[in-house]
Amino acid sequence: MELEYKSYTGSYYYSEDSGYFYGKVEGIEELVDFQAESLPELKDAFKEAVDYYLESIKK
């Protein structure tokens, strides 16, 4: 499945071993990843990761 925010896409998967969702922002050269315990938290973490990335490229 994919997430979308501000024209960015994130992919993610669920690890049964850890009980966490893990994801990364796609389509950019840098590795920007995120994780959460639930899907609602994952969506927020993805948005925070995109916002962090956008701030970092401004500098």
PDB file of N, CA and C in Angstrom:
ATOM      1  N   MET A   1       0.839  -1.187   0.000  1.00  0.00           N
ATOM      2  CA  MET A   1       0.000   0.000   0.000  1.00  0.00           C
ATOM      3  C   MET A   1       0.879   1.242   0.000  1.00  0.00           C
ATOM      4  N   GLU A   2       0.269   2.354  -0.385  1.00  0.00           N
ATOM      5  CA  GLU A   2       1.009   3.605  -0.473  1.00  0.00           C
ATOM      6  C   GLU A   2       0.275   4.716   0.263  1.00  0.00           C
ATOM      7  N   LEU A   3       1.048   5.686   0.685  1.00  0.00           N
ATOM      8  CA  LEU A   3       0.531   6.894   1.313  1.00  0.00           C
ATOM      9  C   LEU A   3       0.849   8.062   0.391  1.00  0.00           C
ATOM     10  N   GLU A   4       0.053   9.115   0.432  1.00  0.00           N
ATOM     11  CA  GLU A   4       0.312  10.305  -0.367  1.00  0.00           C
ATOM     12  C   GLU A   4       0.122  11.555   0.485  1.00  0.00           C
ATOM     13  N   TYR A   5       1.053  12.515   0.275  1.00  0.00           N
ATOM     14  CA  TYR A   5       1.004  13.784   1.000  1.00  0.00           C
ATOM     15  C   TYR A   5       1.897  14.779   0.263  1.00  0.00           C
ATOM     16  N   LYS A   6       1.374  15.949  -0.038  1.00  0.00           N
ATOM     17  CA  LYS A   6       2.123  17.009  -0.712  1.00  0.00           C
ATOM     18  C   LYS A   6       2.874  16.494  -1.944  1.00  0.00           C
ATOM     19  N   SER A   7       2.220  15.702  -2.748  1.00  0.00           N
ATOM     20  CA  SER A   7       2.786  15.147  -3.984  1.00  0.00           C
ATOM     21  C   SER A   7       3.895  14.124  -3.753  1.00  0.00           C
ATOM     22  N   TYR A   8       4.066  13.662  -2.516  1.00  0.00           N
ATOM     23  CA  TYR A   8       5.047  12.626  -2.216  1.00  0.00           C
ATOM     24  C   TYR A   8       4.313  11.335  -1.902  1.00  0.00           C
ATOM     25  N   THR A   9       4.983  10.233  -2.187  1.00  0.00           N
ATOM     26  CA  THR A   9       4.417   8.909  -1.954  1.00  0.00           C
ATOM     27  C   THR A   9       5.278   8.168  -0.952  1.00  0.00           C
ATOM     28  N   GLY A  10       4.623   7.432  -0.089  1.00  0.00           N
ATOM     29  CA  GLY A  10       5.341   6.598   0.858  1.00  0.00           C
ATOM     30  C   GLY A  10       4.889   5.158   0.745  1.00  0.00           C
ATOM     31  N   SER A  11       5.834   4.253   0.830  1.00  0.00           N
ATOM     32  CA  SER A  11       5.509   2.830   0.862  1.00  0.00           C
ATOM     33  C   SER A  11       5.734   2.337   2.282  1.00  0.00           C
ATOM     34  N   TYR A  12       5.046   1.258   2.645  1.00  0.00           N
ATOM     35  CA  TYR A  12       5.224   0.737   4.002  1.00  0.00           C
ATOM     36  C   TYR A  12       4.904  -0.745   4.050  1.00  0.00           C
ATOM     37  N   TYR A  13       5.349  -1.356   5.127  1.00  0.00           N
ATOM     38  CA  TYR A  13       5.038  -2.761   5.391  1.00  0.00           C
ATOM     39  C   TYR A  13       4.895  -2.951   6.887  1.00  0.00           C
ATOM     40  N   TYR A  14       4.290  -4.049   7.267  1.00  0.00           N
ATOM     41  CA  TYR A  14       4.084  -4.381   8.671  1.00  0.00           C
ATOM     42  C   TYR A  14       4.988  -5.547   9.047  1.00  0.00           C
ATOM     43  N   SER A  15       5.691  -5.419  10.150  1.00  0.00           N
ATOM     44  CA  SER A  15       6.540  -6.489  10.659  1.00  0.00           C
ATOM     45  C   SER A  15       5.824  -7.172  11.820  1.00  0.00           C
ATOM     46  N   GLU A  16       5.431  -8.409  11.620  1.00  0.00           N
ATOM     47  CA  GLU A  16       4.781  -9.147  12.701  1.00  0.00           C
ATOM     48  C   GLU A  16       5.735  -9.384  13.858  1.00  0.00           C
ATOM     49  N   ASP A  17       7.025  -9.517  13.558  1.00  0.00           N
ATOM     50  CA  ASP A  17       8.015  -9.754  14.614  1.00  0.00           C
ATOM     51  C   ASP A  17       8.075  -8.603  15.605  1.00  0.00           C
ATOM     52  N   SER A  18       8.061  -7.383  15.090  1.00  0.00           N
ATOM     53  CA  SER A  18       8.190  -6.215  15.966  1.00  0.00           C
ATOM     54  C   SER A  18       6.848  -5.582  16.319  1.00  0.00           C
ATOM     55  N   GLY A  19       5.822  -5.848  15.509  1.00  0.00           N
ATOM     56  CA  GLY A  19       4.525  -5.227  15.737  1.00  0.00           C
ATOM     57  C   GLY A  19       4.462  -3.785  15.270  1.00  0.00           C
ATOM     58  N   TYR A  20       5.388  -3.397  14.398  1.00  0.00           N
ATOM     59  CA  TYR A  20       5.444  -2.028  13.894  1.00  0.00           C
ATOM     60  C   TYR A  20       5.232  -1.995  12.390  1.00  0.00           C
ATOM     61  N   PHE A  21       4.745  -0.845  11.925  1.00  0.00           N
ATOM     62  CA  PHE A  21       4.713  -0.528  10.511  1.00  0.00           C
ATOM     63  C   PHE A  21       5.982   0.267  10.213  1.00  0.00           C
ATOM     64  N   TYR A  22       6.618  -0.033   9.087  1.00  0.00           N
ATOM     65  CA  TYR A  22       7.819   0.669   8.659  1.00  0.00           C
ATOM     66  C   TYR A  22       7.580   1.190   7.252  1.00  0.00           C
ATOM     67  N   GLY A  23       8.086   2.394   6.966  1.00  0.00           N
ATOM     68  CA  GLY A  23       7.900   2.937   5.635  1.00  0.00           C
ATOM     69  C   GLY A  23       9.013   3.874   5.243  1.00  0.00           C
ATOM     70  N   LYS A  24       8.979   4.283   3.974  1.00  0.00           N
ATOM     71  CA  LYS A  24       9.940   5.260   3.480  1.00  0.00           C
ATOM     72  C   LYS A  24       9.275   6.121   2.423  1.00  0.00           C
ATOM     73  N   VAL A  25       9.809   7.330   2.279  1.00  0.00           N
ATOM     74  CA  VAL A  25       9.333   8.256   1.256  1.00  0.00           C
ATOM     75  C   VAL A  25       9.969   7.824  -0.062  1.00  0.00           C
ATOM     76  N   GLU A  26       9.154   7.637  -1.069  1.00  0.00           N
ATOM     77  CA  GLU A  26       9.622   7.169  -2.375  1.00  0.00           C
ATOM     78  C   GLU A  26       9.902   8.338  -3.310  1.00  0.00           C
ATOM     79  N   GLY A  27      10.723   8.089  -4.322  1.00  0.00           N
ATOM     80  CA  GLY A  27      10.944   9.058  -5.389  1.00  0.00           C
ATOM     81  C   GLY A  27      11.914  10.171  -5.068  1.00  0.00           C
ATOM     82  N   ILE A  28      12.684  10.022  -3.984  1.00  0.00           N
ATOM     83  CA  ILE A  28      13.697  11.015  -3.642  1.00  0.00           C
ATOM     84  C   ILE A  28      15.026  10.278  -3.453  1.00  0.00           C
ATOM     85  N   GLU A  29      16.120  11.006  -3.590  1.00  0.00           N
ATOM     86  CA  GLU A  29      17.436  10.365  -3.476  1.00  0.00           C
ATOM     87  C   GLU A  29      17.799  10.023  -2.037  1.00  0.00           C
ATOM     88  N   GLU A  30      17.402  10.847  -1.091  1.00  0.00           N
ATOM     89  CA  GLU A  30      17.715  10.617   0.311  1.00  0.00           C
ATOM     90  C   GLU A  30      16.830   9.516   0.882  1.00  0.00           C
ATOM     91  N   LEU A  31      17.341   8.853   1.910  1.00  0.00           N
ATOM     92  CA  LEU A  31      16.526   7.879   2.628  1.00  0.00           C
ATOM     93  C   LEU A  31      15.797   8.619   3.741  1.00  0.00           C
ATOM     94  N   VAL A  32      14.488   8.719   3.605  1.00  0.00           N
ATOM     95  CA  VAL A  32      13.642   9.326   4.628  1.00  0.00           C
ATOM     96  C   VAL A  32      12.638   8.258   5.009  1.00  0.00           C
ATOM     97  N   ASP A  33      12.791   7.746   6.237  1.00  0.00           N
ATOM     98  CA  ASP A  33      11.924   6.656   6.668  1.00  0.00           C
ATOM     99  C   ASP A  33      11.094   7.066   7.871  1.00  0.00           C
ATOM    100  N   PHE A  34      10.147   6.209   8.237  1.00  0.00           N
ATOM    101  CA  PHE A  34       9.246   6.480   9.347  1.00  0.00           C
ATOM    102  C   PHE A  34       8.703   5.155   9.868  1.00  0.00           C
ATOM    103  N   GLN A  35       8.182   5.170  11.091  1.00  0.00           N
ATOM    104  CA  GLN A  35       7.611   3.958  11.666  1.00  0.00           C
ATOM    105  C   GLN A  35       6.531   4.327  12.671  1.00  0.00           C
ATOM    106  N   ALA A  36       5.661   3.359  12.954  1.00  0.00           N
ATOM    107  CA  ALA A  36       4.579   3.577  13.917  1.00  0.00           C
ATOM    108  C   ALA A  36       3.962   2.238  14.313  1.00  0.00           C
ATOM    109  N   GLU A  37       3.178   2.272  15.380  1.00  0.00           N
ATOM    110  CA  GLU A  37       2.521   1.060  15.873  1.00  0.00           C
ATOM    111  C   GLU A  37       1.161   0.818  15.240  1.00  0.00           C
ATOM    112  N   SER A  38       0.560   1.855  14.648  1.00  0.00           N
ATOM    113  CA  SER A  38      -0.769   1.704  14.048  1.00  0.00           C
ATOM    114  C   SER A  38      -0.829   2.480  12.738  1.00  0.00           C
ATOM    115  N   LEU A  39      -1.827   2.168  11.917  1.00  0.00           N
ATOM    116  CA  LEU A  39      -1.975   2.882  10.644  1.00  0.00           C
ATOM    117  C   LEU A  39      -2.246   4.374  10.822  1.00  0.00           C
ATOM    118  N   PRO A  40      -3.120   4.775  11.749  1.00  0.00           N
ATOM    119  CA  PRO A  40      -3.304   6.223  11.939  1.00  0.00           C
ATOM    120  C   PRO A  40      -2.008   6.921  12.348  1.00  0.00           C
ATOM    121  N   GLU A  41      -1.221   6.287  13.228  1.00  0.00           N
ATOM    122  CA  GLU A  41       0.057   6.864  13.629  1.00  0.00           C
ATOM    123  C   GLU A  41       1.033   6.880  12.455  1.00  0.00           C
ATOM    124  N   LEU A  42       0.966   5.854  11.601  1.00  0.00           N
ATOM    125  CA  LEU A  42       1.845   5.775  10.443  1.00  0.00           C
ATOM    126  C   LEU A  42       1.566   6.926   9.478  1.00  0.00           C
ATOM    127  N   LYS A  43       0.310   7.239   9.258  1.00  0.00           N
ATOM    128  CA  LYS A  43      -0.040   8.355   8.377  1.00  0.00           C
ATOM    129  C   LYS A  43       0.526   9.658   8.909  1.00  0.00           C
ATOM    130  N   ASP A  44       0.436   9.860  10.219  1.00  0.00           N
ATOM    131  CA  ASP A  44       1.005  11.067  10.827  1.00  0.00           C
ATOM    132  C   ASP A  44       2.526  11.070  10.712  1.00  0.00           C
ATOM    133  N   ALA A  45       3.144   9.914  10.951  1.00  0.00           N
ATOM    134  CA  ALA A  45       4.601   9.814  10.865  1.00  0.00           C
ATOM    135  C   ALA A  45       5.078  10.085   9.440  1.00  0.00           C
ATOM    136  N   PHE A  46       4.329   9.622   8.447  1.00  0.00           N
ATOM    137  CA  PHE A  46       4.671   9.886   7.048  1.00  0.00           C
ATOM    138  C   PHE A  46       4.615  11.381   6.762  1.00  0.00           C
ATOM    139  N   LYS A  47       3.564  12.041   7.202  1.00  0.00           N
ATOM    140  CA  LYS A  47       3.437  13.488   6.985  1.00  0.00           C
ATOM    141  C   LYS A  47       4.583  14.240   7.657  1.00  0.00           C
ATOM    142  N   GLU A  48       4.946  13.830   8.859  1.00  0.00           N
ATOM    143  CA  GLU A  48       6.061  14.455   9.564  1.00  0.00           C
ATOM    144  C   GLU A  48       7.366  14.228   8.805  1.00  0.00           C
ATOM    145  N   ALA A  49       7.550  13.033   8.247  1.00  0.00           N
ATOM    146  CA  ALA A  49       8.768  12.724   7.489  1.00  0.00           C
ATOM    147  C   ALA A  49       8.852  13.585   6.236  1.00  0.00           C
ATOM    148  N   VAL A  50       7.746  13.761   5.529  1.00  0.00           N
ATOM    149  CA  VAL A  50       7.734  14.606   4.333  1.00  0.00           C
ATOM    150  C   VAL A  50       8.034  16.050   4.719  1.00  0.00           C
ATOM    151  N   ASP A  51       7.385  16.539   5.764  1.00  0.00           N
ATOM    152  CA  ASP A  51       7.628  17.916   6.204  1.00  0.00           C
ATOM    153  C   ASP A  51       9.088  18.103   6.614  1.00  0.00           C
ATOM    154  N   TYR A  52       9.666  17.118   7.301  1.00  0.00           N
ATOM    155  CA  TYR A  52      11.068  17.176   7.692  1.00  0.00           C
ATOM    156  C   TYR A  52      11.955  17.237   6.438  1.00  0.00           C
ATOM    157  N   TYR A  53      11.658  16.400   5.468  1.00  0.00           N
ATOM    158  CA  TYR A  53      12.436  16.392   4.230  1.00  0.00           C
ATOM    159  C   TYR A  53      12.355  17.745   3.528  1.00  0.00           C
ATOM    160  N   LEU A  54      11.172  18.292   3.420  1.00  0.00           N
ATOM    161  CA  LEU A  54      11.004  19.591   2.756  1.00  0.00           C
ATOM    162  C   LEU A  54      11.765  20.690   3.484  1.00  0.00           C
ATOM    163  N   GLU A  55      11.776  20.666   4.797  1.00  0.00           N
ATOM    164  CA  GLU A  55      12.540  21.647   5.567  1.00  0.00           C
ATOM    165  C   GLU A  55      14.025  21.465   5.339  1.00  0.00           C
ATOM    166  N   SER A  56      14.477  20.212   5.271  1.00  0.00           N
ATOM    167  CA  SER A  56      15.909  19.950   5.119  1.00  0.00           C
ATOM    168  C   SER A  56      16.434  20.384   3.750  1.00  0.00           C
ATOM    169  N   ILE A  57      15.610  20.310   2.723  1.00  0.00           N
ATOM    170  CA  ILE A  57      16.109  20.715   1.409  1.00  0.00           C
ATOM    171  C   ILE A  57      16.041  22.228   1.209  1.00  0.00           C
ATOM    172  N   LYS A  58      15.339  22.936   2.096  1.00  0.00           N
ATOM    173  CA  LYS A  58      15.315  24.395   2.034  1.00  0.00           C
ATOM    174  C   LYS A  58      16.661  24.986   2.472  1.00  0.00           C
ATOM    175  N   LYS A  59      17.342  24.268   3.347  1.00  0.00           N
ATOM    176  CA  LYS A  59      18.579  24.786   3.947  1.00  0.00           C
ATOM    177  C   LYS A  59      19.771  24.613   3.073  1.00  0.00           C
TER     178      LYS A  59
END
